[in-house]
Amino acid sequence: MKGRNPTSKEKKHMDRVSQLGCIVCFLNGFYGVPSEIHHIEGKTKEGAHFKVLPLCYQHHREGSFNDSFVSRHPWKKGFEERYGSERELLELVNEMVKKE
């Protein structure tokens, strides 16, 4: 992983987030879809590893922009227009992690 290495506390948080499954799929009624970690502010800033979203490959980095999927990379604007801002999704993810 490029960027600052996560602390053990950050690793634990990212593991819990990834176990939620893709947040976009979840919002569309598909639960437990395997996910990857997406850092919303890069990987070098202090606390960056706590600002992460669980996204499946298609919603994260496949590069799709169609009726079925909009990938965050490289389509940030289209992704946020369809699914909500990364900040809004982060708030939801953090609430879900707290409930576990």
N, C-alpha and C. Protein backbone atom coordinates (compact mmCIF):
# COMPACT_ATOMS: atom_id res chain seq x y z
N MET A 1 0.85 -1.17 0.00
CA MET A 1 0.00 0.00 0.00
C MET A 1 0.90 1.23 0.00
N LYS A 2 0.66 2.14 -0.91
CA LYS A 2 1.38 3.40 -0.93
C LYS A 2 0.83 4.30 0.16
N GLY A 3 1.68 5.15 0.72
CA GLY A 3 1.24 6.05 1.77
C GLY A 3 1.76 5.61 3.12
N ARG A 4 1.26 6.22 4.15
CA ARG A 4 1.66 5.93 5.53
C ARG A 4 1.13 4.58 5.95
N ASN A 5 1.97 3.80 6.61
CA ASN A 5 1.52 2.50 7.10
C ASN A 5 0.50 2.69 8.22
N PRO A 6 -0.58 1.92 8.19
CA PRO A 6 -1.59 2.06 9.24
C PRO A 6 -1.11 1.50 10.58
N THR A 7 -1.57 2.12 11.64
CA THR A 7 -1.29 1.61 12.98
C THR A 7 -2.16 0.37 13.21
N SER A 8 -1.93 -0.33 14.30
CA SER A 8 -2.74 -1.51 14.59
C SER A 8 -4.21 -1.13 14.80
N LYS A 9 -4.45 0.03 15.40
CA LYS A 9 -5.82 0.50 15.61
C LYS A 9 -6.49 0.81 14.26
N GLU A 10 -5.75 1.43 13.35
CA GLU A 10 -6.27 1.73 12.02
C GLU A 10 -6.52 0.45 11.23
N LYS A 11 -5.63 -0.52 11.34
CA LYS A 11 -5.82 -1.81 10.65
C LYS A 11 -7.10 -2.48 11.14
N LYS A 12 -7.31 -2.44 12.45
CA LYS A 12 -8.52 -3.05 13.02
C LYS A 12 -9.77 -2.36 12.48
N HIS A 13 -9.74 -1.03 12.42
CA HIS A 13 -10.87 -0.27 11.91
C HIS A 13 -11.13 -0.63 10.44
N MET A 14 -10.08 -0.64 9.63
CA MET A 14 -10.25 -0.95 8.20
C MET A 14 -10.78 -2.37 8.01
N ASP A 15 -10.35 -3.29 8.85
CA ASP A 15 -10.86 -4.67 8.77
C ASP A 15 -12.36 -4.70 9.08
N ARG A 16 -12.77 -3.99 10.12
CA ARG A 16 -14.19 -3.95 10.48
C ARG A 16 -15.01 -3.32 9.36
N VAL A 17 -14.49 -2.26 8.75
CA VAL A 17 -15.19 -1.59 7.66
C VAL A 17 -15.32 -2.53 6.47
N SER A 18 -14.25 -3.21 6.10
CA SER A 18 -14.30 -4.09 4.93
C SER A 18 -15.28 -5.25 5.14
N GLN A 19 -15.45 -5.68 6.39
CA GLN A 19 -16.37 -6.78 6.68
C GLN A 19 -17.84 -6.37 6.52
N LEU A 20 -18.11 -5.07 6.46
CA LEU A 20 -19.49 -4.62 6.23
C LEU A 20 -19.98 -5.00 4.83
N GLY A 21 -19.06 -5.12 3.89
CA GLY A 21 -19.44 -5.31 2.49
C GLY A 21 -19.62 -3.95 1.84
N CYS A 22 -19.74 -3.95 0.54
CA CYS A 22 -19.84 -2.71 -0.23
C CYS A 22 -21.02 -1.86 0.25
N ILE A 23 -20.72 -0.62 0.62
CA ILE A 23 -21.77 0.27 1.14
C ILE A 23 -22.77 0.65 0.06
N VAL A 24 -22.32 0.80 -1.18
CA VAL A 24 -23.25 1.16 -2.26
C VAL A 24 -24.18 -0.01 -2.55
N CYS A 25 -23.64 -1.20 -2.63
CA CYS A 25 -24.48 -2.38 -2.84
C CYS A 25 -25.48 -2.54 -1.70
N PHE A 26 -25.02 -2.31 -0.48
CA PHE A 26 -25.88 -2.39 0.70
C PHE A 26 -27.08 -1.45 0.56
N LEU A 27 -26.81 -0.22 0.14
CA LEU A 27 -27.88 0.76 -0.03
C LEU A 27 -28.86 0.37 -1.13
N ASN A 28 -28.42 -0.50 -2.03
CA ASN A 28 -29.27 -0.99 -3.11
C ASN A 28 -29.87 -2.36 -2.81
N GLY A 29 -29.77 -2.80 -1.54
CA GLY A 29 -30.40 -4.05 -1.12
C GLY A 29 -29.59 -5.31 -1.33
N PHE A 30 -28.31 -5.18 -1.64
CA PHE A 30 -27.43 -6.34 -1.80
C PHE A 30 -26.45 -6.33 -0.64
N TYR A 31 -26.61 -7.29 0.27
CA TYR A 31 -25.85 -7.28 1.51
C TYR A 31 -24.66 -8.22 1.46
N GLY A 32 -23.57 -7.79 2.11
CA GLY A 32 -22.39 -8.64 2.24
C GLY A 32 -21.58 -8.80 0.97
N VAL A 33 -21.70 -7.88 0.02
CA VAL A 33 -20.91 -7.96 -1.21
C VAL A 33 -19.45 -7.67 -0.86
N PRO A 34 -18.53 -8.59 -1.19
CA PRO A 34 -17.11 -8.39 -0.84
C PRO A 34 -16.60 -7.02 -1.26
N SER A 35 -15.80 -6.42 -0.38
CA SER A 35 -15.37 -5.04 -0.62
C SER A 35 -13.87 -4.86 -0.48
N GLU A 36 -13.44 -3.74 -1.03
CA GLU A 36 -12.08 -3.24 -0.91
C GLU A 36 -12.17 -1.94 -0.11
N ILE A 37 -11.07 -1.51 0.42
CA ILE A 37 -11.04 -0.25 1.17
C ILE A 37 -10.73 0.90 0.22
N HIS A 38 -11.56 1.94 0.28
CA HIS A 38 -11.33 3.18 -0.47
C HIS A 38 -11.07 4.29 0.53
N HIS A 39 -9.91 4.92 0.44
CA HIS A 39 -9.55 6.06 1.29
C HIS A 39 -10.11 7.33 0.66
N ILE A 40 -10.92 8.06 1.40
CA ILE A 40 -11.54 9.25 0.81
C ILE A 40 -10.61 10.46 0.81
N GLU A 41 -9.54 10.42 1.59
CA GLU A 41 -8.59 11.54 1.64
C GLU A 41 -7.16 11.10 1.39
N GLY A 42 -6.97 10.07 0.60
CA GLY A 42 -5.62 9.56 0.37
C GLY A 42 -5.14 8.73 1.54
N LYS A 43 -3.86 8.37 1.52
CA LYS A 43 -3.32 7.46 2.53
C LYS A 43 -2.18 8.04 3.35
N THR A 44 -1.90 9.32 3.19
CA THR A 44 -0.74 9.89 3.87
C THR A 44 -1.09 10.80 5.03
N LYS A 45 -2.27 11.38 5.04
CA LYS A 45 -2.65 12.31 6.11
C LYS A 45 -2.88 11.56 7.43
N GLU A 46 -2.67 12.28 8.52
CA GLU A 46 -2.98 11.73 9.84
C GLU A 46 -4.46 11.36 9.88
N GLY A 47 -4.77 10.19 10.33
CA GLY A 47 -6.16 9.74 10.43
C GLY A 47 -6.78 9.27 9.13
N ALA A 48 -6.00 9.25 8.04
CA ALA A 48 -6.54 8.87 6.73
C ALA A 48 -7.11 7.46 6.71
N HIS A 49 -6.53 6.58 7.51
CA HIS A 49 -6.99 5.18 7.51
C HIS A 49 -8.29 4.99 8.30
N PHE A 50 -8.77 6.05 8.93
CA PHE A 50 -10.08 6.02 9.57
C PHE A 50 -11.16 6.59 8.65
N LYS A 51 -10.75 7.20 7.56
CA LYS A 51 -11.69 7.80 6.61
C LYS A 51 -11.75 6.92 5.37
N VAL A 52 -12.39 5.76 5.54
CA VAL A 52 -12.42 4.76 4.49
C VAL A 52 -13.83 4.24 4.24
N LEU A 53 -14.07 3.84 3.01
CA LEU A 53 -15.35 3.25 2.61
C LEU A 53 -15.12 1.84 2.10
N PRO A 54 -16.06 0.94 2.38
CA PRO A 54 -15.98 -0.39 1.78
C PRO A 54 -16.71 -0.36 0.43
N LEU A 55 -15.98 -0.60 -0.63
CA LEU A 55 -16.57 -0.61 -1.98
C LEU A 55 -16.17 -1.88 -2.69
N CYS A 56 -17.10 -2.48 -3.42
CA CYS A 56 -16.78 -3.63 -4.25
C CYS A 56 -15.91 -3.16 -5.42
N TYR A 57 -15.32 -4.11 -6.11
CA TYR A 57 -14.45 -3.77 -7.25
C TYR A 57 -15.18 -2.88 -8.26
N GLN A 58 -16.43 -3.21 -8.59
CA GLN A 58 -17.16 -2.43 -9.60
C GLN A 58 -17.39 -0.99 -9.15
N HIS A 59 -17.77 -0.80 -7.90
CA HIS A 59 -18.03 0.55 -7.41
C HIS A 59 -16.74 1.29 -7.04
N HIS A 60 -15.65 0.57 -6.89
CA HIS A 60 -14.40 1.21 -6.51
C HIS A 60 -13.54 1.59 -7.70
N ARG A 61 -13.10 0.61 -8.49
CA ARG A 61 -12.06 0.91 -9.47
C ARG A 61 -12.19 0.21 -10.81
N GLU A 62 -13.33 -0.36 -11.10
CA GLU A 62 -13.51 -1.03 -12.38
C GLU A 62 -13.47 -0.04 -13.55
N GLY A 63 -13.89 1.19 -13.31
CA GLY A 63 -13.88 2.20 -14.36
C GLY A 63 -15.20 2.31 -15.10
N SER A 64 -16.24 1.69 -14.57
CA SER A 64 -17.55 1.69 -15.25
C SER A 64 -18.32 2.99 -15.00
N PHE A 65 -19.09 3.37 -16.01
CA PHE A 65 -20.07 4.44 -15.86
C PHE A 65 -21.22 4.06 -16.78
N ASN A 66 -22.19 3.33 -16.21
CA ASN A 66 -23.32 2.86 -17.00
C ASN A 66 -24.56 2.80 -16.12
N ASP A 67 -25.63 2.19 -16.61
CA ASP A 67 -26.88 2.12 -15.85
C ASP A 67 -26.74 1.28 -14.58
N SER A 68 -25.82 0.31 -14.58
CA SER A 68 -25.68 -0.59 -13.44
C SER A 68 -24.69 -0.08 -12.39
N PHE A 69 -23.56 0.45 -12.83
CA PHE A 69 -22.50 0.85 -11.92
C PHE A 69 -21.89 2.18 -12.34
N VAL A 70 -21.47 2.94 -11.32
CA VAL A 70 -20.55 4.06 -11.52
C VAL A 70 -19.39 3.80 -10.58
N SER A 71 -18.21 3.64 -11.12
CA SER A 71 -17.02 3.43 -10.31
C SER A 71 -16.51 4.74 -9.74
N ARG A 72 -16.06 4.68 -8.51
CA ARG A 72 -15.49 5.88 -7.87
C ARG A 72 -14.26 6.36 -8.65
N HIS A 73 -13.44 5.43 -9.09
CA HIS A 73 -12.27 5.78 -9.92
C HIS A 73 -12.59 5.39 -11.35
N PRO A 74 -12.59 6.27 -12.28
CA PRO A 74 -12.20 7.67 -12.23
C PRO A 74 -13.39 8.63 -12.18
N TRP A 75 -14.57 8.19 -11.81
CA TRP A 75 -15.80 8.98 -11.96
C TRP A 75 -16.32 9.54 -10.64
N LYS A 76 -15.50 10.26 -9.88
CA LYS A 76 -15.92 10.75 -8.56
C LYS A 76 -17.22 11.56 -8.63
N LYS A 77 -17.32 12.50 -9.55
CA LYS A 77 -18.52 13.34 -9.63
C LYS A 77 -19.76 12.50 -9.92
N GLY A 78 -19.70 11.63 -10.92
CA GLY A 78 -20.83 10.77 -11.26
C GLY A 78 -21.16 9.81 -10.13
N PHE A 79 -20.14 9.29 -9.46
CA PHE A 79 -20.33 8.40 -8.32
C PHE A 79 -21.12 9.11 -7.23
N GLU A 80 -20.70 10.33 -6.88
CA GLU A 80 -21.37 11.07 -5.82
C GLU A 80 -22.77 11.52 -6.22
N GLU A 81 -22.97 11.85 -7.48
CA GLU A 81 -24.31 12.22 -7.94
C GLU A 81 -25.27 11.05 -7.82
N ARG A 82 -24.80 9.84 -8.10
CA ARG A 82 -25.67 8.67 -8.05
C ARG A 82 -25.85 8.12 -6.64
N TYR A 83 -24.78 8.09 -5.84
CA TYR A 83 -24.82 7.37 -4.57
C TYR A 83 -24.73 8.25 -3.32
N GLY A 84 -24.46 9.53 -3.49
CA GLY A 84 -24.24 10.41 -2.35
C GLY A 84 -22.76 10.73 -2.20
N SER A 85 -22.48 11.77 -1.44
CA SER A 85 -21.08 12.17 -1.29
C SER A 85 -20.31 11.14 -0.47
N GLU A 86 -19.01 11.17 -0.65
CA GLU A 86 -18.16 10.26 0.13
C GLU A 86 -18.31 10.56 1.62
N ARG A 87 -18.48 11.81 1.98
CA ARG A 87 -18.67 12.19 3.39
C ARG A 87 -19.97 11.59 3.95
N GLU A 88 -21.04 11.66 3.16
CA GLU A 88 -22.31 11.07 3.60
C GLU A 88 -22.18 9.56 3.77
N LEU A 89 -21.52 8.92 2.81
CA LEU A 89 -21.32 7.47 2.91
C LEU A 89 -20.43 7.13 4.10
N LEU A 90 -19.42 7.96 4.35
CA LEU A 90 -18.53 7.73 5.49
C LEU A 90 -19.30 7.81 6.81
N GLU A 91 -20.18 8.78 6.93
CA GLU A 91 -21.00 8.89 8.15
C GLU A 91 -21.82 7.63 8.37
N LEU A 92 -22.42 7.11 7.31
CA LEU A 92 -23.21 5.89 7.42
C LEU A 92 -22.33 4.70 7.81
N VAL A 93 -21.20 4.57 7.16
CA VAL A 93 -20.27 3.48 7.48
C VAL A 93 -19.84 3.54 8.94
N ASN A 94 -19.50 4.73 9.41
CA ASN A 94 -19.06 4.87 10.81
C ASN A 94 -20.17 4.51 11.78
N GLU A 95 -21.41 4.85 11.45
CA GLU A 95 -22.54 4.46 12.30
C GLU A 95 -22.70 2.93 12.32
N MET A 96 -22.54 2.32 11.17
CA MET A 96 -22.67 0.86 11.07
C MET A 96 -21.57 0.16 11.88
N VAL A 97 -20.36 0.68 11.82
CA VAL A 97 -19.25 0.08 12.56
C VAL A 97 -19.48 0.21 14.05
N LYS A 98 -20.03 1.34 14.50
CA LYS A 98 -20.30 1.54 15.93
C LYS A 98 -21.28 0.52 16.47
N LYS A 99 -22.24 0.10 15.62
CA LYS A 99 -23.30 -0.82 16.06
C LYS A 99 -22.80 -2.26 16.19
N GLU A 100 -21.67 -2.56 15.61
CA GLU A 100 -21.17 -3.94 15.68
C GLU A 100 -20.62 -4.26 17.03
